[in-house]
C-alpha cells in the first residue's frame, strides 16, 4: 500500500450471498490500489457465504438479530479504521482501477463522498429485461445522487453526523443519500466518478427477484411513514399499479363503476411501458408488462408479510 494514499476500508454486508461473494472479493483484492482492510458483516447466512469469504484475508463480523442491510453497514463502519469507507453490496464487482481512480477525488478536502459509475453486465434474460426496463422508466429530468445498487466511498467522519436507518429496507439507500445530500450543502461536495467503474448483478432468477421485491414490500410502509411525500407515494403507487389493474379487472366483472378506473389504470400501464421501450430502444413490451406484474405481485406479498413478520433483512 502507498503510504501517501489514504487508508480505504471496504465494508461488505452479506446474507446468503454464496453465488456472488467470491467474484466480489476477487475484484476487491485485485485492485491496483490495495484496500487497507476488508470487513464482511454477515446477517447470519445459512449457506456457504462465510466459507467462501474466508478464502480471502477478510475480517468477519456477525450481526445480532434482527439483522438488516443498513444495520450491517453501520456496524462495518463503526469497526473500520480507514480514513475512507467504501461500502459495497456483495453483488458488486469492482473494475481494476475503481478504488485508485475514486480515491484521487478526496485530494480535494471539500469532497465528502464519491460515487462510482456502473458498467452493466448481463448474465440472464431476466437481468436484461430489468436493465432495459429500469433504463426506460428512469426519470430523465432527475438523475439523483445515488445508484440502484449501493456502492459509495465516503469520509469516515461523515458517519459521526449521519448513519443508515437500520429499520428500513425499501428506500434505505435513498433515505441515507438524501441526508448526505443535505449535509453536503454545508460540509462539502459529492462527486460522481465516471473513471471509477463497478459492475453489478441484478436478480438472475425469479427466486432472487422474489427475495428482493418481498423485502422491499415488507419494509415499504416504514419508509412511507418516515418519508411521507408526493415522491414516496408516487414510487410506491408505481410498484402497486399492476396489481391495481388486476384487482380492477376482477371488480369490473361485477361492478360497472370499476370499468372507467380499469381503463385509466390500464392505459397508464401500457403507455409507461411503451415509453420504456422507446427510451431503452428495445422491443420488450410484453416482457416489460410481465416483469411489472411479477414485481408488483411480489411487492404486495411483501407488504402483507410485513404485518406478520418482524424480519427487517432480506
Protein backbone atom coordinates (compact mmCIF):
# COMPACT_ATOMS: atom_id res chain seq x y z
CA UNK A 1 0.00 0.00 0.00
CA UNK A 2 1.21 3.50 -0.90
CA UNK A 3 1.80 5.33 2.42
CA UNK A 4 0.81 8.60 0.74
CA UNK A 5 -2.63 7.26 -0.14
CA UNK A 6 -5.48 7.39 2.39
CA UNK A 7 -6.40 4.07 4.00
CA UNK A 8 -9.52 2.58 2.43
CA UNK A 9 -11.76 0.24 4.44
CA UNK A 10 -14.13 -1.85 2.29
CA UNK A 11 -17.40 -2.80 4.00
CA UNK A 12 -19.50 -5.64 2.51
CA UNK A 13 -22.81 -6.65 4.14
CA UNK A 14 -23.78 -10.24 3.32
CA UNK A 15 -26.65 -12.64 3.80
CA UNK A 16 -26.77 -15.87 1.76
CA UNK A 17 -24.51 -14.47 -0.95
CA UNK A 18 -22.65 -17.69 -1.85
CA UNK A 19 -23.35 -17.18 -5.56
CA UNK A 20 -21.63 -13.79 -5.78
CA UNK A 21 -19.29 -13.26 -2.81
CA UNK A 22 -16.23 -14.93 -4.36
CA UNK A 23 -16.45 -12.82 -7.51
CA UNK A 24 -16.97 -9.68 -5.43
CA UNK A 25 -13.99 -10.32 -3.15
CA UNK A 26 -11.76 -11.35 -6.06
CA UNK A 27 -12.40 -7.96 -7.65
CA UNK A 28 -11.66 -6.18 -4.35
CA UNK A 29 -8.31 -7.92 -3.83
CA UNK A 30 -7.24 -7.40 -7.45
CA UNK A 31 -7.44 -3.62 -7.16
CA UNK A 32 -4.48 -1.59 -8.41
CA UNK A 33 -4.73 0.27 -5.09
CA UNK A 34 -4.96 -2.35 -2.37
CA UNK A 35 -7.59 -1.68 0.32
CA UNK A 36 -6.30 -1.27 3.87
CA UNK A 37 -8.90 -3.72 5.20
CA UNK A 38 -11.98 -5.61 4.06
CA UNK A 39 -14.79 -6.18 6.56
CA UNK A 40 -17.63 -8.64 5.96
CA UNK A 41 -20.73 -8.01 8.09
CA UNK A 42 -22.89 -11.11 7.84
CA UNK A 43 -26.59 -11.24 8.65
CA UNK A 44 -26.46 -14.88 9.81
CA UNK A 45 -26.17 -16.58 6.42
CA UNK A 46 -27.39 -20.16 6.17
CA UNK A 47 -25.42 -21.04 3.03
CA UNK A 48 -21.67 -21.12 2.23
CA UNK A 49 -21.22 -17.34 2.13
CA UNK A 50 -18.76 -17.22 5.05
CA UNK A 51 -16.93 -20.35 3.95
CA UNK A 52 -16.19 -18.72 0.61
CA UNK A 53 -15.39 -15.36 2.21
CA UNK A 54 -12.73 -17.00 4.40
CA UNK A 55 -10.76 -17.85 1.26
CA UNK A 56 -9.70 -14.19 1.42
CA UNK A 57 -7.94 -12.14 4.17
CA UNK A 58 -11.13 -10.52 5.45
CA UNK A 59 -12.42 -9.62 8.88
CA UNK A 60 -15.86 -11.09 9.59
CA UNK A 61 -18.47 -9.58 11.91
CA UNK A 62 -21.77 -11.33 12.69
CA UNK A 63 -24.93 -9.30 13.22
CA UNK A 64 -27.24 -9.99 16.12
CA UNK A 65 -30.93 -10.48 15.42
CA UNK A 66 -32.83 -8.74 13.98
CA UNK A 67 -30.49 -8.18 11.05
CA UNK A 68 -30.81 -5.60 8.28
CA UNK A 69 -28.69 -4.33 5.43
CA UNK A 70 -28.39 -0.74 6.77
CA UNK A 71 -27.59 -2.04 10.26
CA UNK A 72 -24.78 -4.16 8.80
CA UNK A 73 -23.35 -1.11 7.08
CA UNK A 74 -23.38 0.84 10.34
CA UNK A 75 -21.61 -1.98 12.19
CA UNK A 76 -18.95 -2.24 9.49
CA UNK A 77 -18.25 1.48 9.52
CA UNK A 78 -18.11 1.52 13.31
CA UNK A 79 -15.42 -1.20 13.25
CA UNK A 80 -13.43 0.24 10.34
CA UNK A 81 -10.14 2.06 10.90
CA UNK A 82 -9.59 3.54 7.43
CA UNK A 83 -9.97 7.21 6.60
CA UNK A 84 -12.12 6.40 3.57
CA UNK A 85 -15.02 3.97 3.78
CA UNK A 86 -16.05 2.07 0.65
CA UNK A 87 -19.42 0.39 1.17
CA UNK A 88 -20.45 -2.11 -1.48
CA UNK A 89 -23.11 -4.79 -1.76
CA UNK A 90 -21.97 -8.38 -2.19
CA UNK A 91 -23.20 -8.49 -5.79
CA UNK A 92 -20.94 -5.61 -6.85
CA UNK A 93 -17.71 -6.18 -8.78
CA UNK A 94 -15.02 -3.52 -8.97
CA UNK A 95 -13.10 -2.75 -12.14
CA UNK A 96 -9.33 -2.92 -11.58
CA UNK A 97 -8.74 0.82 -11.07
CA UNK A 98 -12.03 1.53 -9.31
CA UNK A 99 -10.56 2.35 -5.88
CA UNK A 100 -7.48 4.15 -7.22
CA UNK A 101 -9.48 6.43 -9.51
CA UNK A 102 -12.09 7.17 -6.83
CA UNK A 103 -9.63 7.96 -4.02
CA UNK A 104 -7.90 10.69 -6.00
CA UNK A 105 -11.03 12.87 -5.72
CA UNK A 106 -10.55 13.00 -1.96
CA UNK A 107 -7.40 15.08 -2.52
CA UNK A 108 -9.92 17.89 -2.63
CA UNK A 109 -10.72 18.40 1.09
CA UNK A 110 -14.22 19.58 0.18
CA UNK A 111 -15.18 16.18 -1.27
CA UNK A 112 -17.12 14.10 1.25
CA UNK A 113 -18.33 11.27 -0.99
CA UNK A 114 -17.51 9.67 -4.34
CA UNK A 115 -19.99 7.58 -6.34
CA UNK A 116 -18.58 5.16 -8.96
CA UNK A 117 -20.26 4.65 -12.31
CA UNK A 118 -21.96 1.42 -13.36
CA UNK A 119 -20.87 -0.89 -16.12
CA UNK A 120 -23.78 -3.27 -16.68
CA UNK A 121 -23.04 -6.96 -17.25
CA UNK A 122 -25.89 -9.16 -18.40
CA UNK A 123 -25.91 -12.84 -17.48
CA UNK A 124 -29.56 -13.89 -17.95
CA UNK A 125 -32.58 -12.73 -19.92
CA UNK A 126 -34.29 -11.69 -16.69
CA UNK A 127 -31.38 -9.34 -15.98
CA UNK A 128 -31.57 -7.92 -19.49
CA UNK A 129 -35.29 -7.21 -19.14
CA UNK A 130 -34.75 -5.47 -15.77
CA UNK A 131 -31.86 -3.34 -17.01
CA UNK A 132 -33.79 -2.18 -20.07
CA UNK A 133 -36.96 -1.57 -18.06
CA UNK A 134 -35.09 0.48 -15.44
CA UNK A 135 -33.38 2.46 -18.20
CA UNK A 136 -36.71 3.11 -19.90
CA UNK A 137 -38.63 4.11 -16.77
CA UNK A 138 -36.00 6.24 -15.02
CA UNK A 139 -36.73 9.92 -14.55
CA UNK A 140 -34.94 11.75 -17.40
CA UNK A 141 -35.13 15.07 -15.54
CA UNK A 142 -33.70 13.94 -12.20
CA UNK A 143 -30.54 11.82 -12.17
CA UNK A 144 -30.30 11.74 -8.36
CA UNK A 145 -27.09 11.29 -6.42
CA UNK A 146 -27.18 7.57 -5.77
CA UNK A 147 -27.17 4.42 -7.87
CA UNK A 148 -29.56 1.45 -7.84
CA UNK A 149 -27.06 -0.90 -6.21
CA UNK A 150 -25.22 0.65 -3.29
CA UNK A 151 -21.53 1.36 -3.83
CA UNK A 152 -20.08 4.56 -2.46
CA UNK A 153 -16.88 5.93 -0.93
CA UNK A 154 -17.20 8.34 1.98
CA UNK A 155 -15.01 10.01 4.55
CA UNK A 156 -15.43 8.11 7.81
CA UNK A 157 -16.09 11.25 9.84
CA UNK A 158 -19.31 11.67 7.85
CA UNK A 159 -20.79 8.90 9.98
CA UNK A 160 -20.46 10.95 13.14
CA UNK A 161 -23.25 13.08 11.65
CA UNK A 162 -25.40 10.61 9.71
CA UNK A 163 -25.92 6.85 9.77
CA UNK A 164 -28.12 4.39 7.95
CA UNK A 165 -31.57 3.80 9.40
CA UNK A 166 -31.48 0.12 10.50
CA UNK A 167 -35.27 -0.15 10.41
CA UNK A 168 -35.54 0.48 6.68
CA UNK A 169 -35.27 -1.84 3.68
CA UNK A 170 -37.22 -0.24 0.88
CA UNK A 171 -35.79 3.23 0.28
CA UNK A 172 -32.91 2.82 2.77
CA UNK A 173 -30.35 3.94 0.18
CA UNK A 174 -32.43 6.97 -0.78
CA UNK A 175 -33.01 7.88 2.86
CA UNK A 176 -29.27 7.93 3.53
CA UNK A 177 -28.45 9.72 0.28
CA UNK A 178 -30.93 12.50 0.89
CA UNK A 179 -29.47 13.17 4.35
CA UNK A 180 -25.98 13.02 2.86
CA UNK A 181 -27.06 15.50 0.20
CA UNK A 182 -28.37 17.88 2.86
CA UNK A 183 -25.10 17.57 4.77
CA UNK A 184 -23.02 18.17 1.67
CA UNK A 185 -24.70 21.53 1.08
CA UNK A 186 -22.89 22.86 4.12
CA UNK A 187 -19.95 20.46 4.52
CA UNK A 188 -18.69 19.50 1.09
CA UNK A 189 -19.19 18.02 -2.35
CA UNK A 190 -20.42 14.69 -3.69
CA UNK A 191 -18.60 13.59 -6.83
CA UNK A 192 -19.79 11.11 -9.45
CA UNK A 193 -16.60 9.44 -10.71
CA UNK A 194 -17.01 8.28 -14.29
CA UNK A 195 -13.47 6.85 -14.36
CA UNK A 196 -14.17 4.67 -11.29
CA UNK A 197 -16.29 1.78 -12.51
CA UNK A 198 -18.22 -1.08 -10.97
CA UNK A 199 -20.42 -3.77 -12.44
CA UNK A 200 -23.45 -5.17 -10.65
CA UNK A 201 -25.67 -8.23 -10.56
CA UNK A 202 -29.37 -7.70 -10.96
CA UNK A 203 -31.56 -10.62 -9.83
CA UNK A 204 -30.62 -13.55 -12.08
CA UNK A 205 -33.59 -15.75 -11.23
CA UNK A 206 -37.22 -15.43 -10.17
CA UNK A 207 -36.18 -16.64 -6.72
CA UNK A 208 -33.75 -13.72 -6.39
CA UNK A 209 -36.40 -11.31 -7.70
CA UNK A 210 -38.84 -12.70 -5.13
CA UNK A 211 -36.31 -12.16 -2.33
CA UNK A 212 -35.63 -8.57 -3.38
CA UNK A 213 -39.20 -7.44 -4.04
CA UNK A 214 -40.79 -9.07 -0.98
CA UNK A 215 -38.08 -7.46 1.17
CA UNK A 216 -38.95 -4.08 -0.36
CA UNK A 217 -42.64 -4.72 0.26
CA UNK A 218 -42.12 -5.79 3.90
CA UNK A 219 -40.32 -2.54 4.69
CA UNK A 220 -42.11 -0.08 2.39
CA UNK A 221 -44.64 1.05 4.99
CA UNK A 222 -41.85 2.06 7.39
CA UNK A 223 -40.27 4.18 4.67
CA UNK A 224 -43.64 5.72 3.76
CA UNK A 225 -44.29 6.71 7.37
CA UNK A 226 -40.79 8.20 7.75
CA UNK A 227 -40.70 9.99 4.39
CA UNK A 228 -44.31 10.83 3.64
CA UNK A 229 -44.13 12.87 0.45
CA UNK A 230 -45.57 13.02 -3.04
CA UNK A 231 -42.43 11.34 -4.40
CA UNK A 232 -42.69 8.41 -1.97
CA UNK A 233 -46.40 7.93 -2.65
CA UNK A 234 -45.80 8.01 -6.42
CA UNK A 235 -42.93 5.49 -6.21
CA UNK A 236 -44.88 3.02 -4.08
CA UNK A 237 -48.01 3.60 -6.17
CA UNK A 238 -46.00 2.81 -9.29
CA UNK A 239 -44.91 -0.51 -7.79
CA UNK A 240 -48.51 -1.32 -6.89
CA UNK A 241 -50.13 -0.22 -10.18
CA UNK A 242 -50.07 -3.63 -11.97
CA UNK A 243 -51.85 -5.25 -9.02
CA UNK A 244 -54.35 -2.39 -9.03
CA UNK A 245 -55.09 -3.22 -12.69
CA UNK A 246 -55.59 -6.87 -11.76
CA UNK A 247 -57.94 -6.03 -8.87
CA UNK A 248 -59.93 -3.59 -11.03
CA UNK A 249 -60.24 -6.26 -13.74
CA UNK A 250 -61.95 -8.57 -11.25
CA UNK A 251 -64.15 -5.78 -9.88
CA UNK A 252 -65.16 -4.71 -13.41
CA UNK A 253 -66.73 -8.15 -13.95
CA UNK A 254 -69.12 -7.43 -11.09
CA UNK A 255 -69.37 -3.64 -10.72
CA UNK A 256 -69.74 -1.42 -13.83
CA UNK A 257 -68.39 1.60 -11.92
CA UNK A 258 -64.93 -0.06 -11.90
CA UNK A 259 -64.64 -0.06 -15.70
CA UNK A 260 -63.54 3.61 -16.14
CA UNK A 261 -60.92 3.16 -13.41
CA UNK A 262 -59.71 -0.03 -15.10
CA UNK A 263 -59.37 1.75 -18.43
CA UNK A 264 -57.44 4.60 -16.82
CA UNK A 265 -55.08 2.32 -14.88
CA UNK A 266 -54.52 0.02 -17.87
CA UNK A 267 -53.80 2.98 -20.15
CA UNK A 268 -51.21 4.28 -17.69
CA UNK A 269 -49.50 0.88 -17.55
CA UNK A 270 -49.46 0.45 -21.34
CA UNK A 271 -48.24 3.98 -22.04
CA UNK A 272 -45.49 3.72 -19.42
CA UNK A 273 -44.15 0.52 -20.94
CA UNK A 274 -44.39 1.85 -24.50
CA UNK A 275 -42.32 4.83 -23.37
CA UNK A 276 -39.91 2.42 -21.64
CA UNK A 277 -39.48 0.52 -24.92
CA UNK A 278 -38.81 3.75 -26.80
CA UNK A 279 -36.34 5.13 -24.27
CA UNK A 280 -34.46 1.85 -23.86
CA UNK A 281 -34.53 1.23 -27.64
CA UNK A 282 -35.91 -2.26 -27.13
CA UNK A 283 -38.90 -4.30 -28.29
CA UNK A 284 -39.59 -5.96 -24.93
CA UNK A 285 -43.10 -4.60 -24.42
CA UNK A 286 -44.64 -7.97 -23.50
CA UNK A 287 -41.65 -8.83 -21.28
CA UNK A 288 -41.83 -5.41 -19.59
CA UNK A 289 -45.52 -5.89 -18.79
CA UNK A 290 -44.86 -9.38 -17.45
CA UNK A 291 -41.93 -8.15 -15.36
CA UNK A 292 -44.01 -5.34 -13.89
CA UNK A 293 -46.83 -7.68 -12.88
CA UNK A 294 -44.45 -10.16 -11.28
CA UNK A 295 -42.50 -7.42 -9.49
CA UNK A 296 -45.76 -5.88 -8.25
CA UNK A 297 -47.16 -9.23 -7.07
CA UNK A 298 -44.02 -9.97 -5.05
CA UNK A 299 -44.09 -6.42 -3.63
CA UNK A 300 -47.70 -6.81 -2.46
CA UNK A 301 -46.92 -10.21 -0.89
CA UNK A 302 -44.07 -8.48 0.95
CA UNK A 303 -46.44 -5.78 2.25
CA UNK A 304 -48.75 -8.49 3.62
CA UNK A 305 -45.77 -10.27 5.19
CA UNK A 306 -44.75 -7.01 6.84
CA UNK A 307 -47.84 -7.08 9.05
CA UNK A 308 -46.95 -10.51 10.41
CA UNK A 309 -43.16 -10.81 10.24
CA UNK A 310 -40.63 -8.85 12.28
CA UNK A 311 -37.90 -9.60 9.75
CA UNK A 312 -36.02 -6.47 8.66
CA UNK A 313 -33.35 -8.04 6.50
CA UNK A 314 -33.54 -9.92 3.26
